[in-house]
Amino acid sequence: MKQFVLAAAALLLAAPAQASEALAKKHACVACHVVKGAKTVGPAYADVAKKYAGQKDAEAKLAEKVKKGGTGVWGQIPMPPNAAVPDADVRALVKWILSIK
């Protein structure tokens, strides 16, 4: 029984990361971003997390950037707006990105 409880707890803890990675795939974020590694079209999510670590307004700032798009922070290639992505998904993605170590 104890093993079952530990396994269930592990699954619950892993679910948000998996769900957010699934959201990144669902909304085609992975066409331009990787989780870790070299910059592709856009920065790796781990680099974004590092850049915004400790900033109180990071979640709001990044959520707005995802929705409205932008340019100039990571180079001259613009990030297109993602206005069709539901706000709840944007918030989940941003929280997940900022949690990457």
N, C-alpha and C. Protein backbone atom coordinates (compact mmCIF):
# COMPACT_ATOMS: atom_id res chain seq x y z
N MET A 1 0.83 -1.19 0.00
CA MET A 1 0.00 0.00 0.00
C MET A 1 0.87 1.26 0.00
N LYS A 2 1.93 1.23 0.81
CA LYS A 2 2.82 2.39 0.90
C LYS A 2 3.45 2.68 -0.47
N GLN A 3 3.82 1.63 -1.20
CA GLN A 3 4.42 1.82 -2.52
C GLN A 3 3.41 2.43 -3.48
N PHE A 4 2.16 2.01 -3.37
CA PHE A 4 1.12 2.57 -4.22
C PHE A 4 0.96 4.07 -3.97
N VAL A 5 0.95 4.46 -2.71
CA VAL A 5 0.80 5.87 -2.34
C VAL A 5 1.98 6.68 -2.87
N LEU A 6 3.18 6.15 -2.72
CA LEU A 6 4.37 6.86 -3.22
C LEU A 6 4.33 6.98 -4.74
N ALA A 7 3.92 5.93 -5.42
CA ALA A 7 3.83 5.98 -6.87
C ALA A 7 2.78 6.99 -7.32
N ALA A 8 1.65 7.02 -6.65
CA ALA A 8 0.59 7.98 -6.98
C ALA A 8 1.06 9.40 -6.75
N ALA A 9 1.77 9.64 -5.66
CA ALA A 9 2.31 10.97 -5.38
C ALA A 9 3.31 11.40 -6.45
N ALA A 10 4.15 10.49 -6.88
CA ALA A 10 5.12 10.80 -7.92
C ALA A 10 4.42 11.18 -9.23
N LEU A 11 3.37 10.47 -9.56
CA LEU A 11 2.62 10.80 -10.78
C LEU A 11 1.97 12.17 -10.68
N LEU A 12 1.42 12.49 -9.55
CA LEU A 12 0.79 13.79 -9.37
C LEU A 12 1.80 14.92 -9.47
N LEU A 13 2.99 14.72 -8.93
CA LEU A 13 4.02 15.75 -9.01
C LEU A 13 4.53 15.91 -10.43
N ALA A 14 4.59 14.85 -11.20
CA ALA A 14 5.09 14.91 -12.57
C ALA A 14 4.04 15.43 -13.53
N ALA A 15 2.79 15.33 -13.21
CA ALA A 15 1.71 15.68 -14.14
C ALA A 15 1.78 17.11 -14.65
N PRO A 16 2.00 18.12 -13.82
CA PRO A 16 2.01 19.48 -14.36
C PRO A 16 3.09 19.68 -15.42
N ALA A 17 4.29 19.15 -15.21
CA ALA A 17 5.35 19.31 -16.20
C ALA A 17 4.98 18.61 -17.49
N GLN A 18 4.45 17.40 -17.40
CA GLN A 18 4.06 16.67 -18.60
C GLN A 18 2.90 17.39 -19.29
N ALA A 19 1.96 17.86 -18.53
CA ALA A 19 0.81 18.55 -19.11
C ALA A 19 1.27 19.82 -19.82
N SER A 20 2.20 20.54 -19.25
CA SER A 20 2.66 21.77 -19.87
C SER A 20 3.49 21.50 -21.11
N GLU A 21 4.29 20.44 -21.08
CA GLU A 21 5.03 20.07 -22.29
C GLU A 21 4.04 19.65 -23.38
N ALA A 22 2.99 18.97 -22.98
CA ALA A 22 1.95 18.60 -23.94
C ALA A 22 1.27 19.84 -24.50
N LEU A 23 1.05 20.84 -23.65
CA LEU A 23 0.46 22.09 -24.12
C LEU A 23 1.38 22.79 -25.12
N ALA A 24 2.68 22.77 -24.85
CA ALA A 24 3.65 23.38 -25.77
C ALA A 24 3.59 22.70 -27.14
N LYS A 25 3.41 21.39 -27.13
CA LYS A 25 3.27 20.67 -28.39
C LYS A 25 1.92 20.97 -29.04
N LYS A 26 0.87 20.98 -28.24
CA LYS A 26 -0.48 21.23 -28.76
C LYS A 26 -0.58 22.58 -29.46
N HIS A 27 0.05 23.59 -28.87
CA HIS A 27 -0.04 24.95 -29.41
C HIS A 27 1.13 25.29 -30.33
N ALA A 28 1.91 24.28 -30.74
CA ALA A 28 3.01 24.42 -31.71
C ALA A 28 4.16 25.31 -31.22
N CYS A 29 4.30 25.47 -29.92
CA CYS A 29 5.41 26.24 -29.37
C CYS A 29 6.75 25.58 -29.70
N VAL A 30 6.73 24.25 -29.80
CA VAL A 30 7.96 23.50 -30.05
C VAL A 30 8.46 23.67 -31.48
N ALA A 31 7.70 24.34 -32.33
CA ALA A 31 8.18 24.65 -33.67
C ALA A 31 9.34 25.65 -33.61
N CYS A 32 9.36 26.45 -32.56
CA CYS A 32 10.40 27.48 -32.43
C CYS A 32 11.24 27.36 -31.17
N HIS A 33 10.79 26.61 -30.18
CA HIS A 33 11.48 26.51 -28.89
C HIS A 33 11.76 25.06 -28.53
N VAL A 34 12.90 24.86 -27.85
CA VAL A 34 13.21 23.57 -27.24
C VAL A 34 13.20 23.78 -25.73
N VAL A 35 13.10 22.69 -24.97
CA VAL A 35 13.11 22.83 -23.52
C VAL A 35 14.51 23.22 -23.05
N LYS A 36 15.51 22.47 -23.46
CA LYS A 36 16.91 22.75 -23.11
C LYS A 36 17.75 22.54 -24.35
N GLY A 37 18.81 23.30 -24.44
CA GLY A 37 19.71 23.15 -25.57
C GLY A 37 19.94 24.46 -26.27
N ALA A 38 20.45 24.36 -27.48
CA ALA A 38 20.79 25.54 -28.25
C ALA A 38 19.52 26.25 -28.75
N LYS A 39 19.64 27.54 -28.88
CA LYS A 39 18.55 28.35 -29.43
C LYS A 39 18.22 27.84 -30.83
N THR A 40 16.95 27.71 -31.12
CA THR A 40 16.52 27.37 -32.47
C THR A 40 16.02 28.68 -33.08
N VAL A 41 14.77 28.79 -33.40
CA VAL A 41 14.22 30.07 -33.86
C VAL A 41 14.11 31.01 -32.67
N GLY A 42 13.59 30.47 -31.57
CA GLY A 42 13.48 31.23 -30.33
C GLY A 42 14.36 30.60 -29.26
N PRO A 43 14.45 31.24 -28.11
CA PRO A 43 15.32 30.72 -27.05
C PRO A 43 14.79 29.41 -26.45
N ALA A 44 15.70 28.64 -25.89
CA ALA A 44 15.31 27.44 -25.15
C ALA A 44 14.56 27.90 -23.89
N TYR A 45 13.57 27.11 -23.49
CA TYR A 45 12.80 27.47 -22.29
C TYR A 45 13.68 27.57 -21.05
N ALA A 46 14.70 26.74 -20.94
CA ALA A 46 15.59 26.81 -19.79
C ALA A 46 16.30 28.16 -19.74
N ASP A 47 16.65 28.72 -20.90
CA ASP A 47 17.29 30.04 -20.95
C ASP A 47 16.31 31.14 -20.55
N VAL A 48 15.06 30.98 -20.95
CA VAL A 48 14.03 31.95 -20.55
C VAL A 48 13.86 31.92 -19.04
N ALA A 49 13.79 30.72 -18.48
CA ALA A 49 13.64 30.58 -17.02
C ALA A 49 14.81 31.22 -16.29
N LYS A 50 16.00 31.03 -16.80
CA LYS A 50 17.20 31.60 -16.17
C LYS A 50 17.18 33.13 -16.25
N LYS A 51 16.81 33.65 -17.40
CA LYS A 51 16.78 35.11 -17.59
C LYS A 51 15.79 35.80 -16.66
N TYR A 52 14.64 35.17 -16.44
CA TYR A 52 13.58 35.80 -15.66
C TYR A 52 13.52 35.32 -14.21
N ALA A 53 14.46 34.48 -13.81
CA ALA A 53 14.48 33.96 -12.43
C ALA A 53 14.52 35.10 -11.42
N GLY A 54 13.64 35.02 -10.44
CA GLY A 54 13.63 36.00 -9.36
C GLY A 54 12.89 37.28 -9.66
N GLN A 55 12.41 37.47 -10.86
CA GLN A 55 11.66 38.68 -11.20
C GLN A 55 10.21 38.50 -10.77
N LYS A 56 9.74 39.40 -9.94
CA LYS A 56 8.39 39.28 -9.40
C LYS A 56 7.31 39.31 -10.48
N ASP A 57 7.51 40.07 -11.52
CA ASP A 57 6.49 40.22 -12.56
C ASP A 57 6.73 39.31 -13.77
N ALA A 58 7.61 38.32 -13.63
CA ALA A 58 7.98 37.48 -14.76
C ALA A 58 6.78 36.76 -15.37
N GLU A 59 5.92 36.19 -14.54
CA GLU A 59 4.77 35.44 -15.08
C GLU A 59 3.88 36.34 -15.92
N ALA A 60 3.54 37.50 -15.40
CA ALA A 60 2.67 38.42 -16.13
C ALA A 60 3.34 38.93 -17.40
N LYS A 61 4.62 39.27 -17.30
CA LYS A 61 5.36 39.78 -18.45
C LYS A 61 5.44 38.74 -19.57
N LEU A 62 5.75 37.50 -19.20
CA LEU A 62 5.87 36.45 -20.21
C LEU A 62 4.50 36.06 -20.79
N ALA A 63 3.48 36.03 -19.95
CA ALA A 63 2.14 35.71 -20.45
C ALA A 63 1.71 36.75 -21.49
N GLU A 64 1.99 38.00 -21.21
CA GLU A 64 1.64 39.06 -22.17
C GLU A 64 2.43 38.89 -23.46
N LYS A 65 3.70 38.54 -23.34
CA LYS A 65 4.53 38.35 -24.53
C LYS A 65 4.04 37.17 -25.37
N VAL A 66 3.61 36.10 -24.71
CA VAL A 66 3.08 34.95 -25.44
C VAL A 66 1.82 35.37 -26.21
N LYS A 67 0.93 36.10 -25.55
CA LYS A 67 -0.33 36.50 -26.19
C LYS A 67 -0.13 37.53 -27.30
N LYS A 68 0.73 38.54 -27.05
CA LYS A 68 0.87 39.65 -27.99
C LYS A 68 2.04 39.52 -28.95
N GLY A 69 3.00 38.65 -28.62
CA GLY A 69 4.20 38.54 -29.44
C GLY A 69 5.20 39.61 -29.05
N GLY A 70 6.32 39.65 -29.73
CA GLY A 70 7.33 40.65 -29.44
C GLY A 70 8.60 40.40 -30.21
N THR A 71 9.55 41.31 -30.06
CA THR A 71 10.85 41.20 -30.72
C THR A 71 11.88 41.99 -29.94
N GLY A 72 13.15 41.65 -30.16
CA GLY A 72 14.23 42.43 -29.59
C GLY A 72 14.85 41.89 -28.33
N VAL A 73 14.16 41.08 -27.55
CA VAL A 73 14.72 40.57 -26.30
C VAL A 73 15.73 39.46 -26.58
N TRP A 74 15.44 38.60 -27.54
CA TRP A 74 16.29 37.45 -27.85
C TRP A 74 16.88 37.55 -29.25
N GLY A 75 16.81 38.70 -29.86
CA GLY A 75 17.30 38.87 -31.23
C GLY A 75 16.22 39.54 -32.07
N GLN A 76 16.47 39.60 -33.34
CA GLN A 76 15.56 40.33 -34.22
C GLN A 76 14.43 39.49 -34.81
N ILE A 77 14.46 38.18 -34.61
CA ILE A 77 13.38 37.34 -35.12
C ILE A 77 12.17 37.54 -34.21
N PRO A 78 11.06 38.01 -34.75
CA PRO A 78 9.89 38.28 -33.91
C PRO A 78 9.19 37.00 -33.45
N MET A 79 8.62 37.08 -32.26
CA MET A 79 7.74 36.03 -31.80
C MET A 79 6.34 36.46 -32.18
N PRO A 80 5.65 35.63 -32.97
CA PRO A 80 4.30 36.04 -33.38
C PRO A 80 3.33 35.99 -32.20
N PRO A 81 2.26 36.77 -32.28
CA PRO A 81 1.25 36.72 -31.21
C PRO A 81 0.53 35.38 -31.22
N ASN A 82 0.12 34.97 -30.04
CA ASN A 82 -0.61 33.71 -29.87
C ASN A 82 -1.94 34.00 -29.19
N ALA A 83 -2.70 34.91 -29.76
CA ALA A 83 -3.94 35.37 -29.15
C ALA A 83 -4.99 34.26 -29.04
N ALA A 84 -4.90 33.23 -29.88
CA ALA A 84 -5.90 32.17 -29.86
C ALA A 84 -5.65 31.14 -28.75
N VAL A 85 -4.48 31.19 -28.13
CA VAL A 85 -4.18 30.24 -27.05
C VAL A 85 -4.96 30.69 -25.81
N PRO A 86 -5.75 29.81 -25.22
CA PRO A 86 -6.53 30.19 -24.04
C PRO A 86 -5.65 30.71 -22.90
N ASP A 87 -6.15 31.69 -22.18
CA ASP A 87 -5.38 32.30 -21.09
C ASP A 87 -4.91 31.26 -20.07
N ALA A 88 -5.74 30.29 -19.74
CA ALA A 88 -5.36 29.26 -18.77
C ALA A 88 -4.17 28.45 -19.29
N ASP A 89 -4.15 28.17 -20.58
CA ASP A 89 -3.03 27.45 -21.16
C ASP A 89 -1.77 28.30 -21.14
N VAL A 90 -1.90 29.58 -21.45
CA VAL A 90 -0.75 30.49 -21.42
C VAL A 90 -0.16 30.53 -20.02
N ARG A 91 -1.02 30.67 -19.01
CA ARG A 91 -0.53 30.72 -17.62
C ARG A 91 0.17 29.41 -17.25
N ALA A 92 -0.41 28.28 -17.64
CA ALA A 92 0.21 26.98 -17.34
C ALA A 92 1.56 26.85 -18.03
N LEU A 93 1.63 27.27 -19.28
CA LEU A 93 2.90 27.20 -20.02
C LEU A 93 3.96 28.09 -19.38
N VAL A 94 3.59 29.31 -19.02
CA VAL A 94 4.55 30.23 -18.43
C VAL A 94 5.05 29.71 -17.07
N LYS A 95 4.15 29.21 -16.25
CA LYS A 95 4.56 28.64 -14.96
C LYS A 95 5.52 27.47 -15.17
N TRP A 96 5.21 26.64 -16.14
CA TRP A 96 6.08 25.49 -16.44
C TRP A 96 7.44 25.97 -16.94
N ILE A 97 7.46 26.92 -17.85
CA ILE A 97 8.72 27.42 -18.39
C ILE A 97 9.58 27.99 -17.27
N LEU A 98 8.98 28.78 -16.39
CA LEU A 98 9.75 29.39 -15.30
C LEU A 98 10.22 28.37 -14.28
N SER A 99 9.64 27.19 -14.27
CA SER A 99 10.06 26.15 -13.31
C SER A 99 11.22 25.30 -13.82
N ILE A 100 11.57 25.46 -15.09
CA ILE A 100 12.63 24.63 -15.69
C ILE A 100 13.98 25.05 -15.13
N LYS A 101 14.75 24.07 -14.73
CA LYS A 101 16.10 24.34 -14.20
C LYS A 101 17.14 23.96 -15.21
